[in-house]
Amino acid sequence: EVQVVESGGGLVQPGGSLRLSCKVPGLTFSNYAMSWYRQSPGAPEKERELVAAILGNGGGERYADAVKGRFTISRDNAINMAYLQMDNLQPEDTGAYFCNPGYGVVIFNSWGQGTQVTVSL
């Protein structure tokens, strides 16, 4: 089982920014791609959608079409952290955000608590 801890969510107005962080202790971090997922309000866990992913070496960034040009995924392998910089947030970005090892494919079925992002006036 892998422990995942997300943080950085909050309430922002449309057009605002947030930076999410993801800590995965106890993992040989650089060996794993990392992905961010969003669970929209009222949606079941199985409908979490991939938002962004990054390879273990920090390359190969990929994004959902809806967030391209607004979100940036990054990582710091020295401290086992992954990040999601979210700019120009829109109401449709609202949801609980989760991270997990893997490149758009869940490797460990062990999820953290997620971090809530709410975009509203």
Protein backbone atom coordinates (compact mmCIF):
# COMPACT_ATOMS: atom_id res chain seq x y z
CA GLU A 1 0.00 0.00 0.00
CA VAL A 2 1.20 3.48 -0.90
CA GLN A 3 0.46 6.53 1.17
CA VAL A 4 -0.53 9.62 -0.79
CA VAL A 5 -1.15 13.03 0.74
CA GLU A 6 -2.64 15.85 -1.30
CA SER A 7 -2.88 19.48 -0.24
CA GLY A 8 -3.27 23.00 -1.56
CA GLY A 9 -6.93 23.15 -2.51
CA GLY A 10 -9.29 25.96 -1.62
CA LEU A 11 -11.95 28.38 -2.75
CA VAL A 12 -10.99 30.74 -5.55
CA GLN A 13 -12.79 33.07 -7.90
CA PRO A 14 -12.86 32.39 -11.64
CA GLY A 15 -9.57 33.42 -13.15
CA GLY A 16 -7.67 32.65 -9.97
CA SER A 17 -4.83 30.21 -9.35
CA LEU A 18 -3.99 27.40 -6.99
CA ARG A 19 -1.00 25.10 -6.63
CA LEU A 20 -1.73 21.57 -5.50
CA SER A 21 0.91 19.41 -3.86
CA CYS A 22 1.19 15.65 -3.56
CA LYS A 23 3.52 13.83 -1.21
CA VAL A 24 4.26 10.12 -1.64
CA PRO A 25 6.59 9.01 1.13
CA GLY A 26 8.15 5.60 1.17
CA LEU A 27 8.26 5.21 -2.61
CA THR A 28 11.22 5.18 -4.97
CA PHE A 29 9.59 8.23 -6.43
CA SER A 30 11.63 8.74 -9.56
CA ASN A 31 10.72 5.22 -10.73
CA TYR A 32 7.08 6.17 -11.11
CA ALA A 33 5.10 8.46 -13.31
CA MET A 34 2.56 10.54 -11.40
CA SER A 35 -0.95 11.59 -12.34
CA TRP A 36 -3.56 14.01 -11.06
CA TYR A 37 -7.25 13.13 -11.22
CA ARG A 38 -10.41 15.12 -10.59
CA GLN A 39 -13.65 13.83 -9.13
CA SER A 40 -16.44 16.22 -9.97
CA PRO A 41 -19.13 17.01 -7.38
CA GLY A 42 -21.58 14.16 -7.04
CA ALA A 43 -19.57 11.84 -9.27
CA PRO A 44 -18.64 8.38 -7.99
CA GLU A 45 -15.03 7.42 -7.40
CA LYS A 46 -14.95 5.28 -10.53
CA GLU A 47 -15.56 8.39 -12.62
CA ARG A 48 -12.45 10.22 -11.53
CA GLU A 49 -10.98 11.73 -14.65
CA LEU A 50 -7.37 12.17 -15.56
CA VAL A 51 -6.27 15.79 -15.48
CA ALA A 52 -2.51 15.56 -16.00
CA ALA A 53 0.37 13.11 -15.89
CA ILE A 54 4.15 13.27 -15.85
CA LEU A 55 6.85 10.65 -16.26
CA GLY A 56 9.35 9.75 -13.55
CA ASN A 57 12.10 11.78 -15.17
CA GLY A 58 9.95 14.88 -15.27
CA GLY A 59 9.17 14.72 -18.96
CA GLY A 60 6.26 13.50 -21.00
CA GLU A 61 3.67 15.86 -19.58
CA ARG A 62 0.16 15.16 -20.77
CA TYR A 63 -3.06 17.02 -20.06
CA ALA A 64 -6.76 16.66 -20.47
CA ASP A 65 -7.96 18.89 -23.31
CA ALA A 66 -10.03 20.98 -20.92
CA VAL A 67 -6.97 22.10 -18.93
CA LYS A 68 -4.31 22.44 -21.63
CA GLY A 69 -2.64 25.81 -21.46
CA ARG A 70 -3.98 26.49 -17.95
CA PHE A 71 -2.56 23.70 -15.78
CA THR A 72 1.05 22.63 -15.38
CA ILE A 73 2.20 19.41 -13.77
CA SER A 74 5.67 19.13 -12.26
CA ARG A 75 7.61 17.11 -9.72
CA ASP A 76 10.59 17.23 -7.41
CA ASN A 77 12.05 13.75 -7.10
CA ALA A 78 14.44 14.80 -4.35
CA ILE A 79 11.55 15.26 -1.93
CA ASN A 80 8.96 12.86 -3.38
CA MET A 81 6.59 15.65 -4.37
CA ALA A 82 4.36 16.23 -7.37
CA TYR A 83 2.57 19.48 -8.11
CA LEU A 84 -0.29 20.81 -10.18
CA GLN A 85 -0.20 24.53 -10.92
CA MET A 86 -3.68 25.61 -11.91
CA ASP A 87 -4.14 29.02 -13.52
CA ASN A 88 -7.19 30.77 -14.93
CA LEU A 89 -9.44 28.46 -12.95
CA GLN A 90 -13.02 28.10 -14.08
CA PRO A 91 -16.13 26.83 -12.31
CA GLU A 92 -15.95 23.56 -14.24
CA ASP A 93 -12.59 22.87 -12.58
CA THR A 94 -14.40 22.44 -9.28
CA GLY A 95 -13.93 19.06 -7.67
CA ALA A 96 -11.77 16.90 -5.45
CA TYR A 97 -8.28 16.41 -6.80
CA PHE A 98 -6.29 13.27 -6.21
CA CYS A 99 -2.84 12.15 -7.21
CA ASN A 100 -1.57 8.62 -7.73
CA PRO A 101 1.48 6.92 -9.17
CA GLY A 102 1.10 5.92 -12.78
CA TYR A 103 0.87 7.53 -16.19
CA GLY A 104 -2.87 7.84 -16.48
CA VAL A 105 -3.20 4.27 -15.23
CA VAL A 106 -3.74 3.60 -11.54
CA ILE A 107 -1.00 1.34 -10.27
CA PHE A 108 -1.81 1.32 -6.57
CA ASN A 109 -5.46 1.24 -5.63
CA SER A 110 -4.66 3.29 -2.58
CA TRP A 111 -6.02 6.80 -2.66
CA GLY A 112 -5.42 9.75 -0.38
CA GLN A 113 -8.08 12.05 0.98
CA GLY A 114 -7.76 14.36 -1.98
CA THR A 115 -7.88 18.13 -1.86
CA GLN A 116 -11.01 20.13 -2.66
CA VAL A 117 -10.94 22.87 -5.26
CA THR A 118 -13.95 25.15 -5.54
CA VAL A 119 -14.10 27.85 -8.18
CA SER A 120 -16.93 30.26 -7.55
CA LEU A 121 -17.74 33.95 -7.26
